[in-house]
Protein backbone atom coordinates (compact mmCIF):
# COMPACT_ATOMS: atom_id res chain seq x y z
CA MET A 1 3.57 -10.09 25.86
CA MET A 2 -0.18 -10.05 26.37
CA SER A 3 -1.69 -11.02 29.69
CA ALA A 4 -3.77 -14.09 30.41
CA ILE A 5 -7.13 -14.66 28.74
CA GLU A 6 -9.69 -12.00 29.55
CA PRO A 7 -12.98 -13.81 28.88
CA HIS A 8 -14.97 -10.58 28.64
CA ALA A 9 -12.57 -8.64 26.41
CA SER A 10 -14.53 -6.96 23.64
CA ALA A 11 -13.79 -7.38 19.96
CA LEU A 12 -12.75 -3.72 19.88
CA ALA A 13 -10.30 -4.14 22.77
CA LEU A 14 -8.84 -7.19 21.05
CA LEU A 15 -8.46 -5.32 17.75
CA GLN A 16 -6.70 -2.47 19.54
CA ARG A 17 -4.32 -4.90 21.25
CA GLY A 18 -3.74 -6.55 17.89
CA LEU A 19 -2.70 -3.23 16.37
CA GLN A 20 -0.27 -2.69 19.23
CA ALA A 21 1.16 -6.17 18.77
CA LEU A 22 1.57 -5.60 15.02
CA ALA A 23 3.27 -2.26 15.55
CA ALA A 24 5.74 -3.95 17.91
CA SER A 25 6.10 -7.10 15.77
CA ASP A 26 5.08 -8.99 18.90
CA TRP A 27 3.96 -12.19 17.23
CA ASP A 28 3.37 -14.07 20.48
CA ALA A 29 1.07 -11.30 21.69
CA LEU A 30 -0.83 -11.36 18.41
CA ARG A 31 -1.15 -15.14 18.58
CA SER A 32 -2.48 -14.90 22.15
CA LEU A 33 -5.44 -12.80 20.98
CA CYS A 34 -6.64 -15.47 18.55
CA ASP A 35 -8.95 -18.37 19.20
CA ASP A 36 -7.51 -21.76 18.20
CA GLN A 37 -9.98 -21.88 15.30
CA ILE A 38 -9.82 -18.24 14.19
CA VAL A 39 -10.76 -17.71 10.55
CA TRP A 40 -9.36 -14.75 8.59
CA ARG A 41 -10.90 -14.11 5.18
CA VAL A 42 -8.92 -12.00 2.73
CA PRO A 43 -10.69 -11.32 -0.58
CA GLY A 44 -9.08 -10.97 -3.96
CA ARG A 45 -6.76 -12.85 -6.26
CA SER A 46 -3.35 -11.92 -4.92
CA PRO A 47 -1.08 -14.41 -3.13
CA LEU A 48 -2.52 -13.06 0.15
CA ALA A 49 -6.13 -13.87 -0.71
CA GLY A 50 -7.92 -16.78 0.83
CA GLU A 51 -9.19 -18.16 4.08
CA LEU A 52 -6.70 -18.71 6.87
CA VAL A 53 -7.52 -20.90 9.86
CA GLY A 54 -5.73 -20.88 13.20
CA PRO A 55 -3.45 -18.42 15.02
CA ASP A 56 -0.28 -19.71 13.37
CA ALA A 57 -1.70 -19.08 9.90
CA VAL A 58 -2.80 -15.57 10.88
CA VAL A 59 0.59 -14.69 12.36
CA ALA A 60 2.45 -16.21 9.40
CA ARG A 61 0.43 -14.06 6.98
CA PHE A 62 1.21 -10.87 8.91
CA GLN A 63 4.88 -11.85 8.96
CA GLN A 64 4.77 -12.45 5.21
CA MET A 65 3.21 -9.04 4.65
CA ARG A 66 5.73 -7.34 6.94
CA HIS A 67 8.65 -9.03 5.17
CA ALA A 68 7.40 -7.92 1.74
CA THR A 69 7.13 -4.24 2.66
CA THR A 70 9.81 -1.66 3.36
CA SER A 71 7.76 0.68 5.52
CA ASP A 72 7.50 0.39 9.27
CA ARG A 73 4.91 3.16 9.22
CA PRO A 74 1.85 1.98 11.14
CA ALA A 75 -1.60 2.27 9.66
CA THR A 76 -3.54 5.43 10.42
CA VAL A 77 -6.71 4.61 12.32
CA VAL A 78 -9.67 6.45 10.81
CA ALA A 79 -12.49 4.97 12.89
CA LEU A 80 -13.23 2.31 15.45
CA LEU A 81 -16.74 0.85 15.60
CA GLU A 82 -18.18 -1.55 18.15
CA GLY A 83 -21.35 -3.54 18.64
CA ALA A 84 -22.04 -6.64 20.74
CA ASP A 85 -19.44 -9.29 19.83
CA TYR A 86 -18.34 -7.41 16.71
CA ALA A 87 -16.00 -4.52 16.00
CA ALA A 88 -14.58 -2.82 12.95
CA ILE A 89 -11.52 -0.74 12.37
CA VAL A 90 -11.24 1.58 9.40
CA GLN A 91 -7.63 2.36 8.64
CA ARG A 92 -5.45 3.96 6.02
CA ASN A 93 -2.52 1.70 5.21
CA HIS A 94 0.63 2.97 3.54
CA ILE A 95 2.20 0.01 1.79
CA ASN A 96 5.66 0.53 0.37
CA GLY A 97 6.98 -2.35 -1.67
CA ARG A 98 10.58 -3.36 -2.09
CA ASP A 99 10.19 -2.35 -5.74
CA GLN A 100 9.64 1.23 -4.49
CA THR A 101 5.92 1.18 -5.25
CA ALA A 102 3.75 2.99 -2.75
CA GLN A 103 0.05 2.40 -2.42
CA PRO A 104 -2.26 4.12 0.06
CA ILE A 105 -5.13 1.75 0.84
CA THR A 106 -8.20 2.32 2.95
CA ALA A 107 -9.19 -0.93 4.62
CA VAL A 108 -11.86 -2.16 6.97
CA THR A 109 -11.26 -5.13 9.22
CA LEU A 110 -14.38 -6.65 10.72
CA ALA A 111 -13.80 -8.78 13.79
CA ARG A 112 -15.91 -11.11 15.90
CA ALA A 113 -14.91 -12.12 19.40
CA LYS A 114 -16.04 -14.92 21.65
CA ASP A 115 -14.84 -15.74 25.15
CA GLY A 116 -12.15 -13.07 25.04
CA ARG A 117 -10.55 -14.20 21.78
CA LEU A 118 -10.83 -13.18 18.15
CA VAL A 119 -12.69 -15.91 16.28
CA GLU A 120 -13.25 -14.29 12.90
CA LEU A 121 -11.69 -11.55 10.79
CA GLN A 122 -12.86 -10.23 7.43
CA HIS A 123 -10.60 -7.81 5.56
CA LEU A 124 -12.08 -5.42 2.98
CA VAL A 125 -10.22 -2.80 0.96
CA SER A 126 -11.17 0.30 -1.00
CA ASP A 127 -9.59 -0.82 -4.29
CA GLN A 128 -9.34 -4.60 -4.52
CA TYR A 129 -7.78 -4.52 -8.01
CA ALA A 130 -4.98 -2.21 -6.88
CA VAL A 131 -4.31 -4.31 -3.78
CA ASP A 132 -4.24 -7.54 -5.81
CA ASP A 133 -1.82 -5.97 -8.28
CA LEU A 134 0.43 -4.60 -5.55
CA TRP A 135 0.69 -7.84 -3.54
CA SER A 136 1.08 -9.93 -6.71
CA ARG A 137 4.15 -7.86 -7.61
CA MET A 138 5.57 -7.89 -4.09
CA LEU A 139 5.24 -11.58 -3.21
């Protein structure tokens, strides 16, 4: 479980804690990193696409994604970038569907933090068409 609010936690520190929480399926820890009005924008046309608002919506989407995949393999972090209230993580995801499809995806998650909480996430992928196709088949 994450500790109390750290009002000066950087966006990068929050992203790193979020990755740890995801790897451990620690949904309460993930929820604790999010502002009450967090907005997560996921582009595309798959069932995952859209704008999610609030920590419960963010956690529910990660749970949905975890349930739809068969791999517990964590993403490979390629780069971490930080500036002011913003941070970005570049990662290589290895998504294995229950239908035995496997899709390596390079993704960038841009994050904005305020008062020690994540307030905004924007998810971008290297091949949006492939991701839309994959998630549309899996969900």
